[in-house]
PDB file of all heavy atoms in Angstrom:
ATOM      1  N   ASN A   1      -2.835 119.582  83.108  1.00  0.00           N
ATOM      2  CA  ASN A   1      -2.562 120.996  82.954  1.00  0.00           C
ATOM      3  C   ASN A   1      -1.226 121.085  82.231  1.00  0.00           C
ATOM      4  O   ASN A   1      -0.473 120.114  82.054  1.00  0.00           O
ATOM      5  CB  ASN A   1      -2.485 121.672  84.350  1.00  0.00           C
ATOM      6  CG  ASN A   1      -1.443 121.085  85.235  1.00  0.00           C
ATOM      7  OD1 ASN A   1      -0.230 120.924  84.859  1.00  0.00           O
ATOM      8  ND2 ASN A   1      -1.807 120.689  86.479  1.00  0.00           N
ATOM      9  N   ASP A   2      -0.928 122.267  81.746  1.00  0.00           N
ATOM     10  CA  ASP A   2       0.293 122.501  80.905  1.00  0.00           C
ATOM     11  C   ASP A   2       1.598 122.058  81.609  1.00  0.00           C
ATOM     12  O   ASP A   2       2.468 121.513  80.992  1.00  0.00           O
ATOM     13  CB  ASP A   2       0.339 123.953  80.430  1.00  0.00           C
ATOM     14  CG  ASP A   2      -0.620 124.274  79.344  1.00  0.00           C
ATOM     15  OD1 ASP A   2      -1.203 123.304  78.793  1.00  0.00           O
ATOM     16  OD2 ASP A   2      -0.921 125.449  79.063  1.00  0.00           O
ATOM     17  N   GLU A   3       1.704 122.396  82.872  1.00  0.00           N
ATOM     18  CA  GLU A   3       2.918 122.049  83.661  1.00  0.00           C
ATOM     19  C   GLU A   3       3.181 120.542  83.718  1.00  0.00           C
ATOM     20  O   GLU A   3       4.231 120.047  83.433  1.00  0.00           O
ATOM     21  CB  GLU A   3       2.868 122.602  85.052  1.00  0.00           C
ATOM     22  CG  GLU A   3       4.122 122.313  85.821  1.00  0.00           C
ATOM     23  CD  GLU A   3       4.076 122.815  87.256  1.00  0.00           C
ATOM     24  OE1 GLU A   3       3.154 123.624  87.666  1.00  0.00           O
ATOM     25  OE2 GLU A   3       4.994 122.469  88.005  1.00  0.00           O
ATOM     26  N   THR A   4       2.031 119.832  83.938  1.00  0.00           N
ATOM     27  CA  THR A   4       2.153 118.367  83.990  1.00  0.00           C
ATOM     28  C   THR A   4       2.580 117.839  82.565  1.00  0.00           C
ATOM     29  O   THR A   4       3.545 116.986  82.483  1.00  0.00           O
ATOM     30  CB  THR A   4       0.815 117.687  84.415  1.00  0.00           C
ATOM     31  OG1 THR A   4       0.573 118.115  85.746  1.00  0.00           O
ATOM     32  CG2 THR A   4       0.953 116.156  84.356  1.00  0.00           C
ATOM     33  N   ILE A   5       1.926 118.302  81.601  1.00  0.00           N
ATOM     34  CA  ILE A   5       2.240 117.898  80.272  1.00  0.00           C
ATOM     35  C   ILE A   5       3.689 118.083  79.810  1.00  0.00           C
ATOM     36  O   ILE A   5       4.323 117.277  79.226  1.00  0.00           O
ATOM     37  CB  ILE A   5       1.230 118.564  79.230  1.00  0.00           C
ATOM     38  CG1 ILE A   5      -0.168 118.026  79.421  1.00  0.00           C
ATOM     39  CG2 ILE A   5       1.739 118.277  77.726  1.00  0.00           C
ATOM     40  CD1 ILE A   5      -1.234 118.729  78.719  1.00  0.00           C
ATOM     41  N   GLN A   6       4.146 119.304  80.190  1.00  0.00           N
ATOM     42  CA  GLN A   6       5.500 119.648  79.747  1.00  0.00           C
ATOM     43  C   GLN A   6       6.561 118.847  80.528  1.00  0.00           C
ATOM     44  O   GLN A   6       7.683 118.671  80.032  1.00  0.00           O
ATOM     45  CB  GLN A   6       5.733 121.142  80.030  1.00  0.00           C
ATOM     46  CG  GLN A   6       4.924 121.924  78.938  1.00  0.00           C
ATOM     47  CD  GLN A   6       4.959 123.527  79.290  1.00  0.00           C
ATOM     48  OE1 GLN A   6       5.543 123.873  80.335  1.00  0.00           O
ATOM     49  NE2 GLN A   6       4.385 124.234  78.457  1.00  0.00           N
ATOM     50  N   ASN A   7       6.194 118.206  81.680  1.00  0.00           N
ATOM     51  CA  ASN A   7       7.170 117.425  82.446  1.00  0.00           C
ATOM     52  C   ASN A   7       7.129 115.933  82.067  1.00  0.00           C
ATOM     53  O   ASN A   7       7.855 115.178  82.590  1.00  0.00           O
ATOM     54  CB  ASN A   7       6.896 117.550  83.942  1.00  0.00           C
ATOM     55  CG  ASN A   7       7.360 118.960  84.408  1.00  0.00           C
ATOM     56  OD1 ASN A   7       8.434 119.438  84.099  1.00  0.00           O
ATOM     57  ND2 ASN A   7       6.589 119.512  85.311  1.00  0.00           N
ATOM     58  N   LEU A   8       6.245 115.554  81.119  1.00  0.00           N
ATOM     59  CA  LEU A   8       6.161 114.192  80.676  1.00  0.00           C
ATOM     60  C   LEU A   8       7.043 113.973  79.442  1.00  0.00           C
ATOM     61  O   LEU A   8       7.123 114.781  78.507  1.00  0.00           O
ATOM     62  CB  LEU A   8       4.751 113.816  80.324  1.00  0.00           C
ATOM     63  CG  LEU A   8       3.741 113.808  81.509  1.00  0.00           C
ATOM     64  CD1 LEU A   8       2.329 113.640  81.024  1.00  0.00           C
ATOM     65  CD2 LEU A   8       4.148 112.686  82.461  1.00  0.00           C
ATOM     66  N   LYS A   9       7.716 112.868  79.413  1.00  0.00           N
ATOM     67  CA  LYS A   9       8.663 112.508  78.362  1.00  0.00           C
ATOM     68  C   LYS A   9       8.232 111.202  77.752  1.00  0.00           C
ATOM     69  O   LYS A   9       7.852 110.281  78.501  1.00  0.00           O
ATOM     70  CB  LYS A   9      10.095 112.462  78.800  1.00  0.00           C
ATOM     71  CG  LYS A   9      10.649 113.720  79.475  1.00  0.00           C
ATOM     72  CD  LYS A   9      10.639 114.874  78.523  1.00  0.00           C
ATOM     73  CE  LYS A   9      11.033 116.227  79.154  1.00  0.00           C
ATOM     74  NZ  LYS A   9      10.300 117.361  78.654  1.00  0.00           N
ATOM     75  N   ALA A  10       8.416 111.011  76.445  1.00  0.00           N
ATOM     76  CA  ALA A  10       8.101 109.849  75.840  1.00  0.00           C
ATOM     77  C   ALA A  10       8.866 108.603  76.533  1.00  0.00           C
ATOM     78  O   ALA A  10      10.039 108.724  76.881  1.00  0.00           O
ATOM     79  CB  ALA A  10       8.584 109.757  74.327  1.00  0.00           C
ATOM     80  N   GLY A  11       8.137 107.597  76.869  1.00  0.00           N
ATOM     81  CA  GLY A  11       8.696 106.433  77.598  1.00  0.00           C
ATOM     82  C   GLY A  11       8.432 106.416  79.059  1.00  0.00           C
ATOM     83  O   GLY A  11       8.578 105.357  79.701  1.00  0.00           O
ATOM     84  N   ASP A  12       7.934 107.544  79.637  1.00  0.00           N
ATOM     85  CA  ASP A  12       7.582 107.588  81.028  1.00  0.00           C
ATOM     86  C   ASP A  12       6.453 106.625  81.316  1.00  0.00           C
ATOM     87  O   ASP A  12       5.418 106.671  80.564  1.00  0.00           O
ATOM     88  CB  ASP A  12       7.111 109.011  81.491  1.00  0.00           C
ATOM     89  CG  ASP A  12       8.269 109.979  81.602  1.00  0.00           C
ATOM     90  OD1 ASP A  12       9.477 109.591  81.541  1.00  0.00           O
ATOM     91  OD2 ASP A  12       7.958 111.187  81.734  1.00  0.00           O
ATOM     92  N   ALA A  13       6.557 105.885  82.440  1.00  0.00           N
ATOM     93  CA  ALA A  13       5.433 105.000  82.822  1.00  0.00           C
ATOM     94  C   ALA A  13       4.630 105.929  83.782  1.00  0.00           C
ATOM     95  O   ALA A  13       5.188 106.573  84.608  1.00  0.00           O
ATOM     96  CB  ALA A  13       5.959 103.843  83.609  1.00  0.00           C
ATOM     97  N   VAL A  14       3.308 105.824  83.653  1.00  0.00           N
ATOM     98  CA  VAL A  14       2.352 106.716  84.467  1.00  0.00           C
ATOM     99  C   VAL A  14       1.242 105.912  85.021  1.00  0.00           C
ATOM    100  O   VAL A  14       0.881 104.873  84.448  1.00  0.00           O
ATOM    101  CB  VAL A  14       1.876 107.925  83.622  1.00  0.00           C
ATOM    102  CG1 VAL A  14       2.994 108.810  83.189  1.00  0.00           C
ATOM    103  CG2 VAL A  14       1.025 107.465  82.422  1.00  0.00           C
ATOM    104  N   LEU A  15       0.719 106.415  86.022  1.00  0.00           N
ATOM    105  CA  LEU A  15      -0.659 105.969  86.580  1.00  0.00           C
ATOM    106  C   LEU A  15      -1.584 107.151  86.600  1.00  0.00           C
ATOM    107  O   LEU A  15      -1.357 108.192  87.121  1.00  0.00           O
ATOM    108  CB  LEU A  15      -0.491 105.417  87.986  1.00  0.00           C
ATOM    109  CG  LEU A  15       0.324 104.238  88.195  1.00  0.00           C
ATOM    110  CD1 LEU A  15       0.582 104.016  89.719  1.00  0.00           C
ATOM    111  CD2 LEU A  15      -0.261 102.975  87.486  1.00  0.00           C
ATOM    112  N   LEU A  16      -2.607 107.067  85.737  1.00  0.00           N
ATOM    113  CA  LEU A  16      -3.611 108.167  85.590  1.00  0.00           C
ATOM    114  C   LEU A  16      -4.696 108.022  86.641  1.00  0.00           C
ATOM    115  O   LEU A  16      -5.347 106.916  86.772  1.00  0.00           O
ATOM    116  CB  LEU A  16      -4.129 108.210  84.194  1.00  0.00           C
ATOM    117  CG  LEU A  16      -3.168 108.271  83.090  1.00  0.00           C
ATOM    118  CD1 LEU A  16      -3.826 108.053  81.733  1.00  0.00           C
ATOM    119  CD2 LEU A  16      -2.432 109.633  83.070  1.00  0.00           C
ATOM    120  N   SER A  17      -5.078 109.119  87.300  1.00  0.00           N
ATOM    121  CA  SER A  17      -6.226 109.136  88.240  1.00  0.00           C
ATOM    122  C   SER A  17      -6.978 110.364  87.937  1.00  0.00           C
ATOM    123  O   SER A  17      -6.461 111.460  87.791  1.00  0.00           O
ATOM    124  CB  SER A  17      -5.665 109.037  89.625  1.00  0.00           C
ATOM    125  OG  SER A  17      -5.066 107.792  89.942  1.00  0.00           O
ATOM    126  N   GLY A  18      -8.303 110.245  88.048  1.00  0.00           N
ATOM    127  CA  GLY A  18      -9.197 111.413  87.837  1.00  0.00           C
ATOM    128  C   GLY A  18     -10.178 111.032  86.774  1.00  0.00           C
ATOM    129  O   GLY A  18     -10.690 109.922  86.699  1.00  0.00           O
ATOM    130  N   GLN A  19     -10.612 112.103  85.963  1.00  0.00           N
ATOM    131  CA  GLN A  19     -11.632 111.808  85.001  1.00  0.00           C
ATOM    132  C   GLN A  19     -11.086 111.907  83.529  1.00  0.00           C
ATOM    133  O   GLN A  19     -10.297 112.766  83.227  1.00  0.00           O
ATOM    134  CB  GLN A  19     -12.806 112.861  85.190  1.00  0.00           C
ATOM    135  CG  GLN A  19     -13.561 112.530  86.445  1.00  0.00           C
ATOM    136  CD  GLN A  19     -14.769 113.402  86.590  1.00  0.00           C
ATOM    137  OE1 GLN A  19     -14.807 114.559  86.117  1.00  0.00           O
ATOM    138  NE2 GLN A  19     -15.867 112.913  87.141  1.00  0.00           N
ATOM    139  N   MET A  20     -11.627 111.017  82.730  1.00  0.00           N
ATOM    140  CA  MET A  20     -11.344 111.109  81.253  1.00  0.00           C
ATOM    141  C   MET A  20     -12.655 110.581  80.610  1.00  0.00           C
ATOM    142  O   MET A  20     -13.399 109.828  81.170  1.00  0.00           O
ATOM    143  CB  MET A  20     -10.125 110.334  80.895  1.00  0.00           C
ATOM    144  CG  MET A  20     -10.131 108.841  81.119  1.00  0.00           C
ATOM    145  SD  MET A  20      -8.567 108.159  80.539  1.00  0.00           S
ATOM    146  CE  MET A  20      -8.568 106.604  81.408  1.00  0.00           C
ATOM    147  N   PHE A  21     -12.821 110.960  79.312  1.00  0.00           N
ATOM    148  CA  PHE A  21     -13.951 110.476  78.688  1.00  0.00           C
ATOM    149  C   PHE A  21     -13.625 109.460  77.598  1.00  0.00           C
ATOM    150  O   PHE A  21     -12.444 109.447  77.236  1.00  0.00           O
ATOM    151  CB  PHE A  21     -14.853 111.717  78.141  1.00  0.00           C
ATOM    152  CG  PHE A  21     -14.267 112.450  76.985  1.00  0.00           C
ATOM    153  CD1 PHE A  21     -14.579 112.056  75.645  1.00  0.00           C
ATOM    154  CD2 PHE A  21     -13.417 113.444  77.164  1.00  0.00           C
ATOM    155  CE1 PHE A  21     -14.024 112.682  74.585  1.00  0.00           C
ATOM    156  CE2 PHE A  21     -12.911 114.190  76.064  1.00  0.00           C
ATOM    157  CZ  PHE A  21     -13.187 113.732  74.707  1.00  0.00           C
ATOM    158  N   THR A  22     -14.561 108.664  77.184  1.00  0.00           N
ATOM    159  CA  THR A  22     -14.338 107.724  76.194  1.00  0.00           C
ATOM    160  C   THR A  22     -14.929 108.227  74.856  1.00  0.00           C
ATOM    161  O   THR A  22     -15.893 108.886  74.783  1.00  0.00           O
ATOM    162  CB  THR A  22     -15.006 106.344  76.509  1.00  0.00           C
ATOM    163  OG1 THR A  22     -16.459 106.493  76.427  1.00  0.00           O
ATOM    164  CG2 THR A  22     -14.621 105.850  77.862  1.00  0.00           C
ATOM    165  N   ALA A  23     -14.264 107.861  73.760  1.00  0.00           N
ATOM    166  CA  ALA A  23     -14.825 108.105  72.391  1.00  0.00           C
ATOM    167  C   ALA A  23     -13.977 107.361  71.447  1.00  0.00           C
ATOM    168  O   ALA A  23     -12.792 107.157  71.551  1.00  0.00           O
ATOM    169  CB  ALA A  23     -14.716 109.615  72.056  1.00  0.00           C
ATOM    170  N   ARG A  24     -14.688 106.834  70.464  1.00  0.00           N
ATOM    171  CA  ARG A  24     -14.045 106.154  69.254  1.00  0.00           C
ATOM    172  C   ARG A  24     -14.410 106.929  68.044  1.00  0.00           C
ATOM    173  O   ARG A  24     -14.848 108.084  68.119  1.00  0.00           O
ATOM    174  CB  ARG A  24     -14.563 104.694  69.226  1.00  0.00           C
ATOM    175  CG  ARG A  24     -13.830 103.825  70.233  1.00  0.00           C
ATOM    176  CD  ARG A  24     -14.176 102.378  70.147  1.00  0.00           C
ATOM    177  NE  ARG A  24     -14.233 101.876  68.896  1.00  0.00           N
ATOM    178  CZ  ARG A  24     -14.246 100.613  68.447  1.00  0.00           C
ATOM    179  NH1 ARG A  24     -14.253  99.767  69.431  1.00  0.00           N
ATOM    180  NH2 ARG A  24     -14.324 100.218  67.222  1.00  0.00           N
ATOM    181  N   ASP A  25     -14.258 106.408  66.887  1.00  0.00           N
ATOM    182  CA  ASP A  25     -14.385 107.098  65.653  1.00  0.00           C
ATOM    183  C   ASP A  25     -15.837 107.640  65.454  1.00  0.00           C
ATOM    184  O   ASP A  25     -16.029 108.745  65.057  1.00  0.00           O
ATOM    185  CB  ASP A  25     -13.883 106.275  64.424  1.00  0.00           C
ATOM    186  CG  ASP A  25     -14.051 104.769  64.537  1.00  0.00           C
ATOM    187  OD1 ASP A  25     -14.003 104.242  65.628  1.00  0.00           O
ATOM    188  OD2 ASP A  25     -14.305 104.219  63.456  1.00  0.00           O
ATOM    189  N   ALA A  26     -16.823 106.823  65.768  1.00  0.00           N
ATOM    190  CA  ALA A  26     -18.249 107.289  65.646  1.00  0.00           C
ATOM    191  C   ALA A  26     -18.509 108.461  66.570  1.00  0.00           C
ATOM    192  O   ALA A  26     -19.151 109.415  66.124  1.00  0.00           O
ATOM    193  CB  ALA A  26     -19.186 106.191  65.935  1.00  0.00           C
ATOM    194  N   GLY A  27     -17.978 108.479  67.764  1.00  0.00           N
ATOM    195  CA  GLY A  27     -18.170 109.550  68.687  1.00  0.00           C
ATOM    196  C   GLY A  27     -17.416 110.804  68.175  1.00  0.00           C
ATOM    197  O   GLY A  27     -17.955 111.937  68.226  1.00  0.00           O
ATOM    198  N   HIS A  28     -16.271 110.631  67.671  1.00  0.00           N
ATOM    199  CA  HIS A  28     -15.496 111.721  67.148  1.00  0.00           C
ATOM    200  C   HIS A  28     -16.169 112.355  65.974  1.00  0.00           C
ATOM    201  O   HIS A  28     -16.187 113.552  65.795  1.00  0.00           O
ATOM    202  CB  HIS A  28     -14.081 111.268  66.808  1.00  0.00           C
ATOM    203  CG  HIS A  28     -13.155 111.236  67.970  1.00  0.00           C
ATOM    204  ND1 HIS A  28     -13.172 110.197  68.925  1.00  0.00           N
ATOM    205  CD2 HIS A  28     -12.183 112.090  68.442  1.00  0.00           C
ATOM    206  CE1 HIS A  28     -12.279 110.448  69.809  1.00  0.00           C
ATOM    207  NE2 HIS A  28     -11.596 111.568  69.543  1.00  0.00           N
ATOM    208  N   LYS A  29     -16.763 111.497  65.144  1.00  0.00           N
ATOM    209  CA  LYS A  29     -17.457 112.023  63.913  1.00  0.00           C
ATOM    210  C   LYS A  29     -18.575 112.923  64.356  1.00  0.00           C
ATOM    211  O   LYS A  29     -18.848 114.049  63.763  1.00  0.00           O
ATOM    212  CB  LYS A  29     -17.976 110.858  63.153  1.00  0.00           C
ATOM    213  CG  LYS A  29     -18.624 111.256  61.841  1.00  0.00           C
ATOM    214  CD  LYS A  29     -19.065 110.033  60.991  1.00  0.00           C
ATOM    215  CE  LYS A  29     -19.757 110.487  59.687  1.00  0.00           C
ATOM    216  NZ  LYS A  29     -20.169 109.324  58.959  1.00  0.00           N
TER     217      LYS A  29
END
């Protein structure tokens, strides 16, 4: 969400939990 994104700074170490999808160049195309 926007609040989470705005609180992240380059270099922060994170642990991601939840759902994300996979895609490479062929999927993006």
